Amino acid sequence: SFEQRIAQELQEYFTGRLIHFTVPVAPEGTDFEKRVWQAIGDIP
C-alpha cells in the first residue's frame, strides 16, 4: 500500500493534480548534500 501511495502521488504530480508530496524520503548523502537538497525542496 505504501508503494501504491508513492505511485499515486507521482502519477498525480505528472498530471498536474499534486503540488506537494506527502511520502517520506530518505536520501543518503553528505551533510552538505542534505543541506542543498533541503534548500531545493523549499523552492515553491
PDB file of all heavy atoms in Angstrom:
ATOM      1  N   SER A   1       0.841  -1.210   0.000  1.00  0.00           N
ATOM      2  CA  SER A   1       0.000   0.000   0.000  1.00  0.00           C
ATOM      3  C   SER A   1       0.872   1.254   0.000  1.00  0.00           C
ATOM      4  O   SER A   1       0.505   2.263  -0.624  1.00  0.00           O
ATOM      5  CB  SER A   1      -0.958  -0.002   1.187  1.00  0.00           C
ATOM      6  OG  SER A   1      -0.249  -0.028   2.400  1.00  0.00           O
ATOM      7  N   PHE A   2       2.026   1.208   0.650  1.00  0.00           N
ATOM      8  CA  PHE A   2       2.922   2.359   0.640  1.00  0.00           C
ATOM      9  C   PHE A   2       3.470   2.603  -0.771  1.00  0.00           C
ATOM     10  O   PHE A   2       3.507   3.736  -1.240  1.00  0.00           O
ATOM     11  CB  PHE A   2       4.068   2.158   1.640  1.00  0.00           C
ATOM     12  CG  PHE A   2       5.032   3.304   1.693  1.00  0.00           C
ATOM     13  CD1 PHE A   2       4.605   4.582   2.040  1.00  0.00           C
ATOM     14  CD2 PHE A   2       6.371   3.114   1.382  1.00  0.00           C
ATOM     15  CE1 PHE A   2       5.491   5.647   2.086  1.00  0.00           C
ATOM     16  CE2 PHE A   2       7.265   4.174   1.424  1.00  0.00           C
ATOM     17  CZ  PHE A   2       6.829   5.445   1.777  1.00  0.00           C
ATOM     18  N   GLU A   3       3.879   1.540  -1.448  1.00  0.00           N
ATOM     19  CA  GLU A   3       4.355   1.683  -2.825  1.00  0.00           C
ATOM     20  C   GLU A   3       3.245   2.217  -3.733  1.00  0.00           C
ATOM     21  O   GLU A   3       3.501   3.056  -4.605  1.00  0.00           O
ATOM     22  CB  GLU A   3       4.880   0.342  -3.349  1.00  0.00           C
ATOM     23  CG  GLU A   3       6.170  -0.092  -2.686  1.00  0.00           C
ATOM     24  CD  GLU A   3       6.607  -1.487  -3.086  1.00  0.00           C
ATOM     25  OE1 GLU A   3       5.813  -2.237  -3.698  1.00  0.00           O
ATOM     26  OE2 GLU A   3       7.754  -1.836  -2.787  1.00  0.00           O
ATOM     27  N   GLN A   4       2.027   1.765  -3.522  1.00  0.00           N
ATOM     28  CA  GLN A   4       0.913   2.263  -4.321  1.00  0.00           C
ATOM     29  C   GLN A   4       0.653   3.744  -4.035  1.00  0.00           C
ATOM     30  O   GLN A   4       0.325   4.502  -4.953  1.00  0.00           O
ATOM     31  CB  GLN A   4      -0.334   1.410  -4.061  1.00  0.00           C
ATOM     32  CG  GLN A   4      -0.182   0.018  -4.633  1.00  0.00           C
ATOM     33  CD  GLN A   4      -1.266  -0.939  -4.170  1.00  0.00           C
ATOM     34  OE1 GLN A   4      -2.189  -0.585  -3.458  1.00  0.00           O
ATOM     35  NE2 GLN A   4      -1.140  -2.197  -4.583  1.00  0.00           N
ATOM     36  N   ARG A   5       0.838   4.159  -2.789  1.00  0.00           N
ATOM     37  CA  ARG A   5       0.685   5.577  -2.451  1.00  0.00           C
ATOM     38  C   ARG A   5       1.749   6.420  -3.144  1.00  0.00           C
ATOM     39  O   ARG A   5       1.459   7.498  -3.680  1.00  0.00           O
ATOM     40  CB  ARG A   5       0.773   5.750  -0.931  1.00  0.00           C
ATOM     41  CG  ARG A   5       0.580   7.167  -0.478  1.00  0.00           C
ATOM     42  CD  ARG A   5       0.561   7.252   1.031  1.00  0.00           C
ATOM     43  NE  ARG A   5       1.272   8.450   1.430  1.00  0.00           N
ATOM     44  CZ  ARG A   5       1.986   8.574   2.521  1.00  0.00           C
ATOM     45  NH1 ARG A   5       2.104   7.557   3.363  1.00  0.00           N
ATOM     46  NH2 ARG A   5       2.580   9.694   2.804  1.00  0.00           N
ATOM     47  N   ILE A   6       2.990   5.930  -3.169  1.00  0.00           N
ATOM     48  CA  ILE A   6       4.072   6.632  -3.868  1.00  0.00           C
ATOM     49  C   ILE A   6       3.716   6.773  -5.346  1.00  0.00           C
ATOM     50  O   ILE A   6       3.809   7.858  -5.927  1.00  0.00           O
ATOM     51  CB  ILE A   6       5.408   5.869  -3.718  1.00  0.00           C
ATOM     52  CG1 ILE A   6       5.865   5.848  -2.264  1.00  0.00           C
ATOM     53  CG2 ILE A   6       6.487   6.489  -4.619  1.00  0.00           C
ATOM     54  CD1 ILE A   6       6.965   4.825  -1.982  1.00  0.00           C
ATOM     55  N   ALA A   7       3.306   5.666  -5.946  1.00  0.00           N
ATOM     56  CA  ALA A   7       2.947   5.673  -7.370  1.00  0.00           C
ATOM     57  C   ALA A   7       1.799   6.634  -7.636  1.00  0.00           C
ATOM     58  O   ALA A   7       1.838   7.404  -8.611  1.00  0.00           O
ATOM     59  CB  ALA A   7       2.580   4.257  -7.831  1.00  0.00           C
ATOM     60  N   GLN A   8       0.795   6.634  -6.762  1.00  0.00           N
ATOM     61  CA  GLN A   8      -0.346   7.528  -6.950  1.00  0.00           C
ATOM     62  C   GLN A   8       0.095   8.989  -6.875  1.00  0.00           C
ATOM     63  O   GLN A   8      -0.305   9.800  -7.706  1.00  0.00           O
ATOM     64  CB  GLN A   8      -1.423   7.253  -5.904  1.00  0.00           C
ATOM     65  CG  GLN A   8      -2.613   8.198  -6.028  1.00  0.00           C
ATOM     66  CD  GLN A   8      -3.662   7.948  -4.971  1.00  0.00           C
ATOM     67  OE1 GLN A   8      -3.570   7.039  -4.161  1.00  0.00           O
ATOM     68  NE2 GLN A   8      -4.689   8.765  -4.985  1.00  0.00           N
ATOM     69  N   GLU A   9       0.922   9.332  -5.887  1.00  0.00           N
ATOM     70  CA  GLU A   9       1.371  10.718  -5.770  1.00  0.00           C
ATOM     71  C   GLU A   9       2.192  11.140  -6.987  1.00  0.00           C
ATOM     72  O   GLU A   9       2.019  12.246  -7.503  1.00  0.00           O
ATOM     73  CB  GLU A   9       2.162  10.934  -4.473  1.00  0.00           C
ATOM     74  CG  GLU A   9       1.264  10.951  -3.259  1.00  0.00           C
ATOM     75  CD  GLU A   9       1.929  11.512  -2.012  1.00  0.00           C
ATOM     76  OE1 GLU A   9       3.011  12.130  -2.114  1.00  0.00           O
ATOM     77  OE2 GLU A   9       1.352  11.339  -0.926  1.00  0.00           O
ATOM     78  N   LEU A  10       3.070  10.269  -7.455  1.00  0.00           N
ATOM     79  CA  LEU A  10       3.865  10.613  -8.635  1.00  0.00           C
ATOM     80  C   LEU A  10       2.976  10.761  -9.870  1.00  0.00           C
ATOM     81  O   LEU A  10       3.151  11.697 -10.651  1.00  0.00           O
ATOM     82  CB  LEU A  10       4.973   9.591  -8.861  1.00  0.00           C
ATOM     83  CG  LEU A  10       6.157   9.748  -7.893  1.00  0.00           C
ATOM     84  CD1 LEU A  10       7.013   8.489  -7.865  1.00  0.00           C
ATOM     85  CD2 LEU A  10       6.983  10.970  -8.264  1.00  0.00           C
ATOM     86  N   GLN A  11       2.012   9.859 -10.038  1.00  0.00           N
ATOM     87  CA  GLN A  11       1.076   9.978 -11.164  1.00  0.00           C
ATOM     88  C   GLN A  11       0.322  11.301 -11.092  1.00  0.00           C
ATOM     89  O   GLN A  11       0.152  11.986 -12.102  1.00  0.00           O
ATOM     90  CB  GLN A  11       0.083   8.815 -11.171  1.00  0.00           C
ATOM     91  CG  GLN A  11       0.675   7.477 -11.524  1.00  0.00           C
ATOM     92  CD  GLN A  11       1.009   7.343 -12.999  1.00  0.00           C
ATOM     93  OE1 GLN A  11       0.771   8.218 -13.812  1.00  0.00           O
ATOM     94  NE2 GLN A  11       1.600   6.210 -13.352  1.00  0.00           N
ATOM     95  N   GLU A  12      -0.152  11.656  -9.904  1.00  0.00           N
ATOM     96  CA  GLU A  12      -0.894  12.902  -9.739  1.00  0.00           C
ATOM     97  C   GLU A  12      -0.003  14.118 -10.002  1.00  0.00           C
ATOM     98  O   GLU A  12      -0.462  15.109 -10.567  1.00  0.00           O
ATOM     99  CB  GLU A  12      -1.525  12.975  -8.349  1.00  0.00           C
ATOM    100  CG  GLU A  12      -2.687  12.017  -8.199  1.00  0.00           C
ATOM    101  CD  GLU A  12      -3.313  12.029  -6.818  1.00  0.00           C
ATOM    102  OE1 GLU A  12      -2.870  12.816  -5.942  1.00  0.00           O
ATOM    103  OE2 GLU A  12      -4.252  11.248  -6.601  1.00  0.00           O
ATOM    104  N   TYR A  13       1.264  14.042  -9.604  1.00  0.00           N
ATOM    105  CA  TYR A  13       2.196  15.136  -9.904  1.00  0.00           C
ATOM    106  C   TYR A  13       2.319  15.303 -11.425  1.00  0.00           C
ATOM    107  O   TYR A  13       2.226  16.414 -11.949  1.00  0.00           O
ATOM    108  CB  TYR A  13       3.573  14.882  -9.284  1.00  0.00           C
ATOM    109  CG  TYR A  13       4.601  15.838  -9.830  1.00  0.00           C
ATOM    110  CD1 TYR A  13       4.697  17.135  -9.334  1.00  0.00           C
ATOM    111  CD2 TYR A  13       5.430  15.470 -10.889  1.00  0.00           C
ATOM    112  CE1 TYR A  13       5.607  18.039  -9.875  1.00  0.00           C
ATOM    113  CE2 TYR A  13       6.334  16.364 -11.432  1.00  0.00           C
ATOM    114  CZ  TYR A  13       6.409  17.646 -10.924  1.00  0.00           C
ATOM    115  OH  TYR A  13       7.302  18.537 -11.473  1.00  0.00           O
ATOM    116  N   PHE A  14       2.539  14.201 -12.127  1.00  0.00           N
ATOM    117  CA  PHE A  14       2.770  14.269 -13.573  1.00  0.00           C
ATOM    118  C   PHE A  14       1.524  14.665 -14.370  1.00  0.00           C
ATOM    119  O   PHE A  14       1.633  15.007 -15.536  1.00  0.00           O
ATOM    120  CB  PHE A  14       3.344  12.950 -14.097  1.00  0.00           C
ATOM    121  CG  PHE A  14       4.811  12.788 -13.803  1.00  0.00           C
ATOM    122  CD1 PHE A  14       5.254  11.916 -12.826  1.00  0.00           C
ATOM    123  CD2 PHE A  14       5.754  13.519 -14.504  1.00  0.00           C
ATOM    124  CE1 PHE A  14       6.602  11.775 -12.549  1.00  0.00           C
ATOM    125  CE2 PHE A  14       7.111  13.398 -14.233  1.00  0.00           C
ATOM    126  CZ  PHE A  14       7.533  12.526 -13.252  1.00  0.00           C
ATOM    127  N   THR A  15       0.358  14.622 -13.742  1.00  0.00           N
ATOM    128  CA  THR A  15      -0.845  15.107 -14.418  1.00  0.00           C
ATOM    129  C   THR A  15      -1.215  16.513 -13.960  1.00  0.00           C
ATOM    130  O   THR A  15      -2.231  17.054 -14.400  1.00  0.00           O
ATOM    131  CB  THR A  15      -2.038  14.157 -14.187  1.00  0.00           C
ATOM    132  OG1 THR A  15      -2.296  14.074 -12.788  1.00  0.00           O
ATOM    133  CG2 THR A  15      -1.781  12.791 -14.791  1.00  0.00           C
ATOM    134  N   GLY A  16      -0.423  17.083 -13.052  1.00  0.00           N
ATOM    135  CA  GLY A  16      -0.665  18.439 -12.587  1.00  0.00           C
ATOM    136  C   GLY A  16      -1.659  18.557 -11.452  1.00  0.00           C
ATOM    137  O   GLY A  16      -2.040  19.651 -11.069  1.00  0.00           O
ATOM    138  N   ARG A  17      -2.078  17.431 -10.875  1.00  0.00           N
ATOM    139  CA  ARG A  17      -3.061  17.468  -9.790  1.00  0.00           C
ATOM    140  C   ARG A  17      -2.427  17.511  -8.405  1.00  0.00           C
ATOM    141  O   ARG A  17      -3.140  17.687  -7.419  1.00  0.00           O
ATOM    142  CB  ARG A  17      -3.990  16.261  -9.881  1.00  0.00           C
ATOM    143  CG  ARG A  17      -4.896  16.308 -11.100  1.00  0.00           C
ATOM    144  CD  ARG A  17      -5.977  15.244 -11.062  1.00  0.00           C
ATOM    145  NE  ARG A  17      -5.512  13.923 -10.694  1.00  0.00           N
ATOM    146  CZ  ARG A  17      -5.291  12.934 -11.550  1.00  0.00           C
ATOM    147  NH1 ARG A  17      -5.500  13.103 -12.840  1.00  0.00           N
ATOM    148  NH2 ARG A  17      -4.886  11.757 -11.134  1.00  0.00           N
ATOM    149  N   LEU A  18      -1.112  17.339  -8.293  1.00  0.00           N
ATOM    150  CA  LEU A  18      -0.434  17.319  -6.991  1.00  0.00           C
ATOM    151  C   LEU A  18       0.746  18.277  -7.027  1.00  0.00           C
ATOM    152  O   LEU A  18       1.560  18.205  -7.953  1.00  0.00           O
ATOM    153  CB  LEU A  18       0.052  15.898  -6.670  1.00  0.00           C
ATOM    154  CG  LEU A  18       0.772  15.751  -5.343  1.00  0.00           C
ATOM    155  CD1 LEU A  18      -0.241  15.428  -4.248  1.00  0.00           C
ATOM    156  CD2 LEU A  18       1.816  14.662  -5.414  1.00  0.00           C
ATOM    157  N   ILE A  19       0.825  19.141  -6.038  1.00  0.00           N
ATOM    158  CA  ILE A  19       1.972  20.057  -5.980  1.00  0.00           C
ATOM    159  C   ILE A  19       2.840  19.829  -4.748  1.00  0.00           C
ATOM    160  O   ILE A  19       3.940  20.355  -4.675  1.00  0.00           O
ATOM    161  CB  ILE A  19       1.547  21.532  -6.075  1.00  0.00           C
ATOM    162  CG1 ILE A  19       0.665  21.933  -4.915  1.00  0.00           C
ATOM    163  CG2 ILE A  19       0.858  21.802  -7.394  1.00  0.00           C
ATOM    164  CD1 ILE A  19       0.384  23.430  -4.854  1.00  0.00           C
ATOM    165  N   HIS A  20       2.354  19.049  -3.784  1.00  0.00           N
ATOM    166  CA  HIS A  20       3.126  18.748  -2.573  1.00  0.00           C
ATOM    167  C   HIS A  20       3.086  17.246  -2.310  1.00  0.00           C
ATOM    168  O   HIS A  20       2.003  16.673  -2.179  1.00  0.00           O
ATOM    169  CB  HIS A  20       2.550  19.466  -1.350  1.00  0.00           C
ATOM    170  CG  HIS A  20       2.610  20.939  -1.449  1.00  0.00           C
ATOM    171  ND1 HIS A  20       3.789  21.639  -1.382  1.00  0.00           N
ATOM    172  CD2 HIS A  20       1.641  21.854  -1.624  1.00  0.00           C
ATOM    173  CE1 HIS A  20       3.527  22.924  -1.516  1.00  0.00           C
ATOM    174  NE2 HIS A  20       2.238  23.083  -1.674  1.00  0.00           N
ATOM    175  N   PHE A  21       4.250  16.637  -2.219  1.00  0.00           N
ATOM    176  CA  PHE A  21       4.333  15.214  -1.905  1.00  0.00           C
ATOM    177  C   PHE A  21       4.213  15.021  -0.398  1.00  0.00           C
ATOM    178  O   PHE A  21       4.695  15.844   0.382  1.00  0.00           O
ATOM    179  CB  PHE A  21       5.656  14.625  -2.400  1.00  0.00           C
ATOM    180  CG  PHE A  21       5.754  14.574  -3.892  1.00  0.00           C
ATOM    181  CD1 PHE A  21       6.453  15.550  -4.586  1.00  0.00           C
ATOM    182  CD2 PHE A  21       5.135  13.570  -4.613  1.00  0.00           C
ATOM    183  CE1 PHE A  21       6.545  15.517  -5.967  1.00  0.00           C
ATOM    184  CE2 PHE A  21       5.209  13.530  -5.996  1.00  0.00           C
ATOM    185  CZ  PHE A  21       5.920  14.505  -6.668  1.00  0.00           C
ATOM    186  N   THR A  22       3.580  13.927   0.001  1.00  0.00           N
ATOM    187  CA  THR A  22       3.477  13.599   1.425  1.00  0.00           C
ATOM    188  C   THR A  22       4.294  12.371   1.798  1.00  0.00           C
ATOM    189  O   THR A  22       4.465  12.104   2.976  1.00  0.00           O
ATOM    190  CB  THR A  22       2.007  13.375   1.835  1.00  0.00           C
ATOM    191  OG1 THR A  22       1.502  12.219   1.152  1.00  0.00           O
ATOM    192  CG2 THR A  22       1.157  14.592   1.528  1.00  0.00           C
ATOM    193  N   VAL A  23       4.760  11.618   0.814  1.00  0.00           N
ATOM    194  CA  VAL A  23       5.528  10.409   1.126  1.00  0.00           C
ATOM    195  C   VAL A  23       6.886  10.811   1.703  1.00  0.00           C
ATOM    196  O   VAL A  23       7.503  11.767   1.230  1.00  0.00           O
ATOM    197  CB  VAL A  23       5.707   9.497  -0.101  1.00  0.00           C
ATOM    198  CG1 VAL A  23       4.379   8.927  -0.540  1.00  0.00           C
ATOM    199  CG2 VAL A  23       6.404  10.203  -1.239  1.00  0.00           C
ATOM    200  N   PRO A  24       7.347  10.111   2.726  1.00  0.00           N
ATOM    201  CA  PRO A  24       8.654  10.434   3.291  1.00  0.00           C
ATOM    202  C   PRO A  24       9.780  10.007   2.357  1.00  0.00           C
ATOM    203  O   PRO A  24       9.649   9.026   1.616  1.00  0.00           O
ATOM    204  CB  PRO A  24       8.694   9.640   4.598  1.00  0.00           C
ATOM    205  CG  PRO A  24       7.723   8.516   4.399  1.00  0.00           C
ATOM    206  CD  PRO A  24       6.678   9.020   3.433  1.00  0.00           C
ATOM    207  N   VAL A  25      10.855  10.768   2.385  1.00  0.00           N
ATOM    208  CA  VAL A  25      12.047  10.429   1.612  1.00  0.00           C
ATOM    209  C   VAL A  25      13.219  10.265   2.561  1.00  0.00           C
ATOM    210  O   VAL A  25      13.247  10.871   3.640  1.00  0.00           O
ATOM    211  CB  VAL A  25      12.367  11.495   0.539  1.00  0.00           C
ATOM    212  CG1 VAL A  25      11.253  11.590  -0.484  1.00  0.00           C
ATOM    213  CG2 VAL A  25      12.647  12.845   1.155  1.00  0.00           C
ATOM    214  N   ALA A  26      14.163   9.433   2.170  1.00  0.00           N
ATOM    215  CA  ALA A  26      15.358   9.188   2.977  1.00  0.00           C
ATOM    216  C   ALA A  26      16.579   9.157   2.061  1.00  0.00           C
ATOM    217  O   ALA A  26      17.171   8.105   1.835  1.00  0.00           O
ATOM    218  CB  ALA A  26      15.225   7.878   3.751  1.00  0.00           C
ATOM    219  N   PRO A  27      16.951  10.305   1.508  1.00  0.00           N
ATOM    220  CA  PRO A  27      18.115  10.318   0.619  1.00  0.00           C
ATOM    221  C   PRO A  27      19.405  10.178   1.414  1.00  0.00           C
ATOM    222  O   PRO A  27      19.557  10.780   2.478  1.00  0.00           O
ATOM    223  CB  PRO A  27      18.016  11.696  -0.046  1.00  0.00           C
ATOM    224  CG  PRO A  27      17.334  12.546   0.973  1.00  0.00           C
ATOM    225  CD  PRO A  27      16.355  11.625   1.671  1.00  0.00           C
ATOM    226  N   GLU A  28      20.303   9.372   0.907  1.00  0.00           N
ATOM    227  CA  GLU A  28      21.608   9.229   1.543  1.00  0.00           C
ATOM    228  C   GLU A  28      22.589  10.163   0.864  1.00  0.00           C
ATOM    229  O   GLU A  28      22.670  10.200  -0.369  1.00  0.00           O
ATOM    230  CB  GLU A  28      22.088   7.783   1.449  1.00  0.00           C
ATOM    231  CG  GLU A  28      21.280   6.845   2.318  1.00  0.00           C
ATOM    232  CD  GLU A  28      21.854   5.438   2.355  1.00  0.00           C
ATOM    233  OE1 GLU A  28      22.765   5.119   1.564  1.00  0.00           O
ATOM    234  OE2 GLU A  28      21.379   4.662   3.181  1.00  0.00           O
ATOM    235  N   GLY A  29      23.313  10.924   1.669  1.00  0.00           N
ATOM    236  CA  GLY A  29      24.298  11.851   1.132  1.00  0.00           C
ATOM    237  C   GLY A  29      25.074  12.491   2.260  1.00  0.00           C
ATOM    238  O   GLY A  29      24.843  12.219   3.440  1.00  0.00           O
ATOM    239  N   THR A  30      25.984  13.357   1.882  1.00  0.00           N
ATOM    240  CA  THR A  30      26.783  14.075   2.869  1.00  0.00           C
ATOM    241  C   THR A  30      25.926  15.151   3.538  1.00  0.00           C
ATOM    242  O   THR A  30      24.836  15.480   3.059  1.00  0.00           O
ATOM    243  CB  THR A  30      27.991  14.757   2.202  1.00  0.00           C
ATOM    244  OG1 THR A  30      27.499  15.788   1.328  1.00  0.00           O
ATOM    245  CG2 THR A  30      28.836  13.755   1.408  1.00  0.00           C
ATOM    246  N   ASP A  31      26.429  15.717   4.622  1.00  0.00           N
ATOM    247  CA  ASP A  31      25.708  16.805   5.283  1.00  0.00           C
ATOM    248  C   ASP A  31      25.500  17.971   4.317  1.00  0.00           C
ATOM    249  O   ASP A  31      24.427  18.574   4.289  1.00  0.00           O
ATOM    250  CB  ASP A  31      26.452  17.278   6.531  1.00  0.00           C
ATOM    251  CG  ASP A  31      26.389  16.262   7.667  1.00  0.00           C
ATOM    252  OD1 ASP A  31      25.510  15.382   7.650  1.00  0.00           O
ATOM    253  OD2 ASP A  31      27.241  16.356   8.581  1.00  0.00           O
ATOM    254  N   PHE A  32      26.520  18.297   3.520  1.00  0.00           N
ATOM    255  CA  PHE A  32      26.402  19.380   2.550  1.00  0.00           C
ATOM    256  C   PHE A  32      25.297  19.071   1.541  1.00  0.00           C
ATOM    257  O   PHE A  32      24.446  19.911   1.258  1.00  0.00           O
ATOM    258  CB  PHE A  32      27.736  19.617   1.827  1.00  0.00           C
ATOM    259  CG  PHE A  32      27.651  20.687   0.774  1.00  0.00           C
ATOM    260  CD1 PHE A  32      27.734  22.030   1.116  1.00  0.00           C
ATOM    261  CD2 PHE A  32      27.479  20.352  -0.568  1.00  0.00           C
ATOM    262  CE1 PHE A  32      27.637  23.027   0.144  1.00  0.00           C
ATOM    263  CE2 PHE A  32      27.388  21.337  -1.546  1.00  0.00           C
ATOM    264  CZ  PHE A  32      27.463  22.683  -1.183  1.00  0.00           C
ATOM    265  N   GLU A  33      25.299  17.849   0.994  1.00  0.00           N
ATOM    266  CA  GLU A  33      24.270  17.470   0.019  1.00  0.00           C
ATOM    267  C   GLU A  33      22.884  17.567   0.632  1.00  0.00           C
ATOM    268  O   GLU A  33      21.957  18.090  -0.001  1.00  0.00           O
ATOM    269  CB  GLU A  33      24.534  16.047  -0.498  1.00  0.00           C
ATOM    270  CG  GLU A  33      25.730  15.964  -1.414  1.00  0.00           C
ATOM    271  CD  GLU A  33      26.155  14.547  -1.728  1.00  0.00           C
ATOM    272  OE1 GLU A  33      25.834  13.608  -0.958  1.00  0.00           O
ATOM    273  OE2 GLU A  33      26.826  14.360  -2.760  1.00  0.00           O
ATOM    274  N   LYS A  34      22.728  17.128   1.871  1.00  0.00           N
ATOM    275  CA  LYS A  34      21.418  17.191   2.518  1.00  0.00           C
ATOM    276  C   LYS A  34      20.967  18.635   2.713  1.00  0.00           C
ATOM    277  O   LYS A  34      19.776  18.938   2.569  1.00  0.00           O
ATOM    278  CB  LYS A  34      21.434  16.444   3.843  1.00  0.00           C
ATOM    279  CG  LYS A  34      21.500  14.931   3.668  1.00  0.00           C
ATOM    280  CD  LYS A  34      21.554  14.233   5.004  1.00  0.00           C
ATOM    281  CE  LYS A  34      21.657  12.723   4.824  1.00  0.00           C
ATOM    282  NZ  LYS A  34      21.711  12.029   6.115  1.00  0.00           N
ATOM    283  N   ARG A  35      21.891  19.536   3.019  1.00  0.00           N
ATOM    284  CA  ARG A  35      21.526  20.955   3.140  1.00  0.00           C
ATOM    285  C   ARG A  35      21.064  21.500   1.794  1.00  0.00           C
ATOM    286  O   ARG A  35      20.085  22.246   1.713  1.00  0.00           O
ATOM    287  CB  ARG A  35      22.713  21.769   3.679  1.00  0.00           C
ATOM    288  CG  ARG A  35      22.949  21.538   5.148  1.00  0.00           C
ATOM    289  CD  ARG A  35      23.912  22.514   5.825  1.00  0.00           C
ATOM    290  NE  ARG A  35      24.698  23.388   5.018  1.00  0.00           N
ATOM    291  CZ  ARG A  35      26.012  23.274   4.791  1.00  0.00           C
ATOM    292  NH1 ARG A  35      26.692  22.271   5.305  1.00  0.00           N
ATOM    293  NH2 ARG A  35      26.647  24.159   4.052  1.00  0.00           N
ATOM    294  N   VAL A  36      21.784  21.123   0.745  1.00  0.00           N
ATOM    295  CA  VAL A  36      21.400  21.546  -0.611  1.00  0.00           C
ATOM    296  C   VAL A  36      20.021  20.989  -0.953  1.00  0.00           C
ATOM    297  O   VAL A  36      19.142  21.711  -1.427  1.00  0.00           O
ATOM    298  CB  VAL A  36      22.448  21.108  -1.658  1.00  0.00           C
ATOM    299  CG1 VAL A  36      21.925  21.285  -3.082  1.00  0.00           C
ATOM    300  CG2 VAL A  36      23.758  21.868  -1.452  1.00  0.00           C
ATOM    301  N   TRP A  37      19.802  19.703  -0.710  1.00  0.00           N
ATOM    302  CA  TRP A  37      18.525  19.079  -1.059  1.00  0.00           C
ATOM    303  C   TRP A  37      17.379  19.702  -0.265  1.00  0.00           C
ATOM    304  O   TRP A  37      16.285  19.871  -0.791  1.00  0.00           O
ATOM    305  CB  TRP A  37      18.584  17.572  -0.851  1.00  0.00           C
ATOM    306  CG  TRP A  37      19.631  16.894  -1.692  1.00  0.00           C
ATOM    307  CD1 TRP A  37      20.158  17.338  -2.883  1.00  0.00           C
ATOM    308  CD2 TRP A  37      20.299  15.679  -1.404  1.00  0.00           C
ATOM    309  NE1 TRP A  37      21.094  16.451  -3.343  1.00  0.00           N
ATOM    310  CE2 TRP A  37      21.213  15.425  -2.464  1.00  0.00           C
ATOM    311  CE3 TRP A  37      20.228  14.765  -0.358  1.00  0.00           C
ATOM    312  CZ2 TRP A  37      22.023  14.296  -2.493  1.00  0.00           C
ATOM    313  CZ3 TRP A  37      21.037  13.640  -0.384  1.00  0.00           C
ATOM    314  CH2 TRP A  37      21.928  13.419  -1.451  1.00  0.00           C
ATOM    315  N   GLN A  38      17.617  20.042   0.998  1.00  0.00           N
ATOM    316  CA  GLN A  38      16.570  20.692   1.794  1.00  0.00           C
ATOM    317  C   GLN A  38      16.227  22.047   1.181  1.00  0.00           C
ATOM    318  O   GLN A  38      15.056  22.396   1.043  1.00  0.00           O
ATOM    319  CB  GLN A  38      17.019  20.867   3.254  1.00  0.00           C
ATOM    320  CG  GLN A  38      15.958  21.486   4.143  1.00  0.00           C
ATOM    321  CD  GLN A  38      14.730  20.613   4.323  1.00  0.00           C
ATOM    322  OE1 GLN A  38      14.853  19.452   4.717  1.00  0.00           O
ATOM    323  NE2 GLN A  38      13.560  21.141   4.041  1.00  0.00           N
ATOM    324  N   ALA A  39      17.241  22.803   0.798  1.00  0.00           N
ATOM    325  CA  ALA A  39      17.001  24.115   0.172  1.00  0.00           C
ATOM    326  C   ALA A  39      16.281  23.962  -1.161  1.00  0.00           C
ATOM    327  O   ALA A  39      15.379  24.745  -1.485  1.00  0.00           O
ATOM    328  CB  ALA A  39      18.319  24.862  -0.010  1.00  0.00           C
ATOM    329  N   ILE A  40      16.643  22.951  -1.926  1.00  0.00           N
ATOM    330  CA  ILE A  40      15.952  22.702  -3.203  1.00  0.00           C
ATOM    331  C   ILE A  40      14.487  22.359  -2.928  1.00  0.00           C
ATOM    332  O   ILE A  40      13.592  22.812  -3.633  1.00  0.00           O
ATOM    333  CB  ILE A  40      16.650  21.578  -3.996  1.00  0.00           C
ATOM    334  CG1 ILE A  40      17.999  22.071  -4.521  1.00  0.00           C
ATOM    335  CG2 ILE A  40      15.764  21.072  -5.139  1.00  0.00           C
ATOM    336  CD1 ILE A  40      18.874  20.978  -5.135  1.00  0.00           C
ATOM    337  N   GLY A  41      14.247  21.584  -1.895  1.00  0.00           N
ATOM    338  CA  GLY A  41      12.878  21.225  -1.541  1.00  0.00           C
ATOM    339  C   GLY A  41      12.029  22.413  -1.139  1.00  0.00           C
ATOM    340  O   GLY A  41      10.802  22.350  -1.198  1.00  0.00           O
ATOM    341  N   ASP A  42      12.667  23.495  -0.741  1.00  0.00           N
ATOM    342  CA  ASP A  42      11.943  24.702  -0.343  1.00  0.00           C
ATOM    343  C   ASP A  42      11.590  25.602  -1.524  1.00  0.00           C
ATOM    344  O   ASP A  42      10.890  26.599  -1.348  1.00  0.00           O
ATOM    345  CB  ASP A  42      12.776  25.501   0.671  1.00  0.00           C
ATOM    346  CG  ASP A  42      12.870  24.789   2.019  1.00  0.00           C
ATOM    347  OD1 ASP A  42      12.043  23.895   2.298  1.00  0.00           O
ATOM    348  OD2 ASP A  42      13.787  25.129   2.798  1.00  0.00           O
ATOM    349  N   ILE A  43      12.064  25.267  -2.731  1.00  0.00           N
ATOM    350  CA  ILE A  43      11.701  26.065  -3.910  1.00  0.00           C
ATOM    351  C   ILE A  43      10.228  25.790  -4.205  1.00  0.00           C
ATOM    352  O   ILE A  43       9.838  24.646  -4.426  1.00  0.00           O
ATOM    353  CB  ILE A  43      12.559  25.692  -5.137  1.00  0.00           C
ATOM    354  CG1 ILE A  43      14.050  25.883  -4.856  1.00  0.00           C
ATOM    355  CG2 ILE A  43      12.130  26.525  -6.360  1.00  0.00           C
ATOM    356  CD1 ILE A  43      14.966  25.286  -5.918  1.00  0.00           C
ATOM    357  N   PRO A  44       9.400  26.817  -4.212  1.00  0.00           N
ATOM    358  CA  PRO A  44       7.968  26.593  -4.436  1.00  0.00           C
ATOM    359  C   PRO A  44       7.679  25.988  -5.812  1.00  0.00           C
ATOM    360  O   PRO A  44       8.387  26.238  -6.784  1.00  0.00           O
ATOM    361  CB  PRO A  44       7.362  28.003  -4.342  1.00  0.00           C
ATOM    362  CG  PRO A  44       8.343  28.783  -3.529  1.00  0.00           C
ATOM    363  CD  PRO A  44       9.696  28.217  -3.906  1.00  0.00           C
TER     364      PRO A  44
END
